[in-house]
Amino acid sequence: MAKLRYYDAADKAPAETPKAAVHTEFLRTGRIDRRRQWMPEQRRYLSYAEVAEQTGRKLAAAGETTHRRINAFHASIQFPKMVFHRTLASSPHLGYCHVTAAKTRLARAHEVTWSFYFANFFSELGDETHFFDRIQTGYSRMYFAVAIEPDEAGRILINRDVRGNGLIFQTQDPRVALKNVLMLGARDDALRRIIRRL
């Protein structure tokens, strides 16, 4: 993949409309304003660290909002706030955000610990060495939850025993993602029936 270059488009102010044309100014005053900028403004290119910082701020703000919306649904469904983000090293404008983690029972099985994430791109999930496969850089988002478990060293890994790849759900629709997270957090069948009707 070609190395990307980023420039700051926010600093570029709209061009001022000239007060008068140069020849009119000359005819009126006998002078040409030499202080006028004749060269177009140069773009200020951003470093990967600056782009990663901007992306991280946006992801963290979206993570805070997502966590607040999830916890606002019902008093009996409350998730811990575990918001942190990561950006991709080769494309710092792309990143993902961890929102929360909890435990639930999937299909009457044993209790499973899971984490809920969203990303500002869509891709397929790979393995631990290459977590995101076939990244699609459109403007879509991806919401997903994965089963997790600690290893002997204390690192958190995807529990591949759950559904073969550890993926509990993956969607581009924020409403479907909210519904799925609430279903995972609901403790009784009555609340699950209410959530299903949403």
Protein backbone atom coordinates (compact mmCIF):
# COMPACT_ATOMS: atom_id res chain seq x y z
CA MET A 1 0.00 0.00 0.00
CA ALA A 2 1.33 3.44 -0.88
CA LYS A 3 2.33 5.66 2.00
CA LEU A 4 -0.41 8.16 2.72
CA ARG A 5 0.11 11.90 3.17
CA TYR A 6 -2.29 13.97 5.24
CA TYR A 7 -2.77 17.70 5.14
CA ASP A 8 -4.64 20.07 7.41
CA ALA A 9 -7.80 21.22 5.66
CA ALA A 10 -9.25 22.91 8.75
CA ASP A 11 -6.73 25.77 8.80
CA LYS A 12 -7.57 26.83 5.28
CA ALA A 13 -9.80 29.90 5.56
CA PRO A 14 -12.09 30.84 2.70
CA ALA A 15 -10.36 33.18 0.28
CA GLU A 16 -11.18 36.83 0.73
CA THR A 17 -12.93 38.51 -2.14
CA PRO A 18 -10.72 41.24 -3.54
CA LYS A 19 -11.93 44.78 -2.95
CA ALA A 20 -11.12 45.90 -6.42
CA ALA A 21 -9.36 44.57 -9.46
CA VAL A 22 -5.66 45.45 -9.80
CA HIS A 23 -6.10 47.62 -12.89
CA THR A 24 -8.95 49.53 -11.25
CA GLU A 25 -6.84 50.13 -8.14
CA PHE A 26 -3.99 51.36 -10.36
CA LEU A 27 -6.20 53.72 -12.31
CA ARG A 28 -7.73 55.11 -9.13
CA THR A 29 -4.56 55.53 -7.02
CA GLY A 30 -1.67 55.09 -9.43
CA ARG A 31 -0.36 52.18 -7.32
CA ILE A 32 -0.50 48.40 -7.38
CA ASP A 33 -0.71 46.74 -3.97
CA ARG A 34 2.49 44.68 -3.82
CA ARG A 35 1.60 43.11 -0.45
CA ARG A 36 -0.99 40.88 -2.06
CA GLN A 37 -0.28 37.15 -2.00
CA TRP A 38 0.26 35.97 -5.54
CA MET A 39 1.29 32.45 -4.60
CA PRO A 40 -1.45 30.00 -3.62
CA GLU A 41 -1.39 28.93 0.01
CA GLN A 42 0.81 25.96 0.72
CA ARG A 43 -0.76 22.93 2.34
CA ARG A 44 0.46 22.06 5.80
CA TYR A 45 1.09 18.35 5.87
CA LEU A 46 0.45 16.48 9.10
CA SER A 47 2.65 13.80 10.62
CA TYR A 48 1.26 10.36 11.34
CA ALA A 49 1.38 11.17 15.06
CA GLU A 50 -0.78 14.28 14.57
CA VAL A 51 -3.30 12.34 12.48
CA ALA A 52 -3.38 9.51 15.05
CA GLU A 53 -3.99 12.04 17.83
CA GLN A 54 -6.92 13.65 15.97
CA THR A 55 -8.39 10.25 15.13
CA GLY A 56 -7.96 9.14 18.74
CA ARG A 57 -9.82 12.18 20.07
CA LYS A 58 -12.74 11.50 17.72
CA LEU A 59 -12.84 7.80 18.60
CA ALA A 60 -12.68 8.49 22.36
CA ALA A 61 -15.52 11.03 22.13
CA ALA A 62 -17.64 8.58 20.13
CA GLY A 63 -16.81 5.83 22.66
CA GLU A 64 -17.97 8.01 25.56
CA THR A 65 -21.23 8.78 23.75
CA THR A 66 -21.79 5.12 22.88
CA HIS A 67 -21.25 4.01 26.48
CA ARG A 68 -23.63 6.69 27.76
CA ARG A 69 -26.35 5.58 25.30
CA ILE A 70 -25.98 1.91 26.21
CA ASN A 71 -26.27 2.59 29.94
CA ALA A 72 -29.24 4.95 29.47
CA PHE A 73 -31.53 2.20 28.20
CA HIS A 74 -32.54 0.49 31.48
CA ALA A 75 -31.37 0.69 35.08
CA SER A 76 -30.85 -3.08 35.31
CA ILE A 77 -28.52 -3.12 32.29
CA GLN A 78 -25.37 -1.23 33.25
CA PHE A 79 -21.97 -1.83 31.70
CA PRO A 80 -18.58 -0.76 33.06
CA LYS A 81 -16.91 2.12 31.26
CA MET A 82 -13.74 0.81 29.59
CA VAL A 83 -13.19 3.29 26.77
CA PHE A 84 -9.84 3.19 24.99
CA HIS A 85 -8.82 3.43 21.35
CA ARG A 86 -6.11 2.34 18.93
CA THR A 87 -5.23 3.63 15.48
CA LEU A 88 -3.71 1.57 12.68
CA ALA A 89 0.02 2.23 12.33
CA SER A 90 0.09 2.37 8.53
CA SER A 91 -3.18 4.35 8.28
CA PRO A 92 -3.59 6.55 11.36
CA HIS A 93 -6.88 7.98 10.11
CA LEU A 94 -8.36 4.52 10.72
CA GLY A 95 -8.89 3.17 14.21
CA TYR A 96 -11.11 1.30 16.62
CA CYS A 97 -12.46 1.95 20.09
CA HIS A 98 -13.17 -0.47 22.95
CA VAL A 99 -16.32 0.61 24.79
CA THR A 100 -17.12 -2.00 27.44
CA ALA A 101 -16.71 -5.61 28.53
CA ALA A 102 -18.99 -7.93 30.48
CA LYS A 103 -20.00 -11.55 31.03
CA THR A 104 -23.04 -13.35 29.68
CA ARG A 105 -24.38 -16.79 28.85
CA LEU A 106 -24.63 -17.60 25.16
CA ALA A 107 -27.30 -20.18 24.25
CA ARG A 108 -27.38 -21.76 27.71
CA ALA A 109 -23.64 -22.41 27.50
CA HIS A 110 -21.08 -21.56 30.13
CA GLU A 111 -20.46 -17.92 31.01
CA VAL A 112 -18.52 -16.02 28.33
CA THR A 113 -16.59 -12.78 28.78
CA TRP A 114 -16.95 -10.42 25.81
CA SER A 115 -15.80 -6.99 24.68
CA PHE A 116 -17.69 -4.49 22.56
CA TYR A 117 -15.85 -2.36 19.97
CA PHE A 118 -16.55 -0.07 17.06
CA ALA A 119 -14.25 0.98 14.22
CA ASN A 120 -14.38 3.82 11.67
CA PHE A 121 -13.99 1.31 8.82
CA PHE A 122 -15.38 -2.09 7.89
CA SER A 123 -13.33 -5.27 7.65
CA GLU A 124 -13.31 -8.95 8.35
CA LEU A 125 -11.74 -10.11 11.60
CA GLY A 126 -8.57 -12.14 11.36
CA ASP A 127 -6.30 -13.68 13.97
CA GLU A 128 -4.22 -12.18 16.80
CA THR A 129 -1.29 -11.25 14.56
CA HIS A 130 -3.44 -9.57 11.90
CA PHE A 131 -6.70 -8.67 13.66
CA PHE A 132 -8.34 -6.82 10.73
CA ASP A 133 -8.43 -8.44 7.29
CA ARG A 134 -9.55 -6.81 4.02
CA ILE A 135 -10.15 -3.33 5.36
CA GLN A 136 -12.74 -1.36 3.41
CA THR A 137 -11.93 2.32 3.80
CA GLY A 138 -15.38 3.69 3.00
CA TYR A 139 -17.11 5.97 5.46
CA SER A 140 -19.00 3.12 7.10
CA ARG A 141 -18.49 2.08 10.69
CA MET A 142 -18.27 -1.42 12.08
CA TYR A 143 -19.66 -2.46 15.45
CA PHE A 144 -18.60 -5.81 16.83
CA ALA A 145 -18.31 -7.89 19.98
CA VAL A 146 -15.77 -10.66 20.53
CA ALA A 147 -15.43 -13.32 23.20
CA ILE A 148 -12.24 -12.84 25.20
CA GLU A 149 -10.14 -14.76 27.70
CA PRO A 150 -6.81 -14.15 29.45
CA ASP A 151 -3.79 -16.31 28.58
CA GLU A 152 -1.07 -17.54 30.94
CA ALA A 153 0.88 -14.27 30.62
CA GLY A 154 -2.20 -12.21 31.51
CA ARG A 155 -2.76 -10.85 27.99
CA ILE A 156 -6.34 -10.70 26.75
CA LEU A 157 -6.93 -12.86 23.67
CA ILE A 158 -9.94 -13.71 21.53
CA ASN A 159 -11.64 -16.88 22.72
CA ARG A 160 -11.78 -18.80 19.43
CA ASP A 161 -13.80 -21.61 21.07
CA VAL A 162 -16.89 -19.40 20.87
CA ARG A 163 -18.51 -19.78 17.44
CA GLY A 164 -15.25 -20.84 15.83
CA ASN A 165 -13.74 -17.37 15.50
CA GLY A 166 -14.72 -15.62 18.74
CA LEU A 167 -17.02 -13.17 16.97
CA ILE A 168 -20.33 -12.74 18.79
CA PHE A 169 -21.78 -10.18 16.38
CA GLN A 170 -20.66 -7.75 13.68
CA THR A 171 -22.78 -5.08 12.01
CA GLN A 172 -22.66 -1.69 10.31
CA ASP A 173 -25.98 -0.58 11.79
CA PRO A 174 -25.68 1.25 15.15
CA ARG A 175 -29.25 0.32 16.13
CA VAL A 176 -28.59 -3.38 15.59
CA ALA A 177 -25.35 -3.05 17.57
CA LEU A 178 -27.15 -1.37 20.47
CA LYS A 179 -29.81 -4.06 20.45
CA ASN A 180 -27.19 -6.84 20.44
CA VAL A 181 -25.22 -5.30 23.32
CA LEU A 182 -28.41 -4.86 25.34
CA MET A 183 -29.36 -8.49 24.66
CA LEU A 184 -25.96 -9.58 25.95
CA GLY A 185 -26.44 -7.47 29.08
CA ALA A 186 -30.05 -8.44 29.84
CA ARG A 187 -30.27 -10.77 32.84
CA ASP A 188 -33.82 -12.10 32.44
CA ASP A 189 -36.09 -13.28 29.62
CA ALA A 190 -38.72 -10.56 30.17
CA LEU A 191 -36.17 -7.85 29.45
CA ARG A 192 -34.86 -9.77 26.42
CA ARG A 193 -38.39 -9.92 25.00
CA ILE A 194 -38.68 -6.13 25.34
CA ILE A 195 -35.33 -5.61 23.63
CA ARG A 196 -36.25 -7.97 20.76
CA ARG A 197 -39.29 -5.81 19.99
CA LEU A 198 -37.15 -2.66 19.53
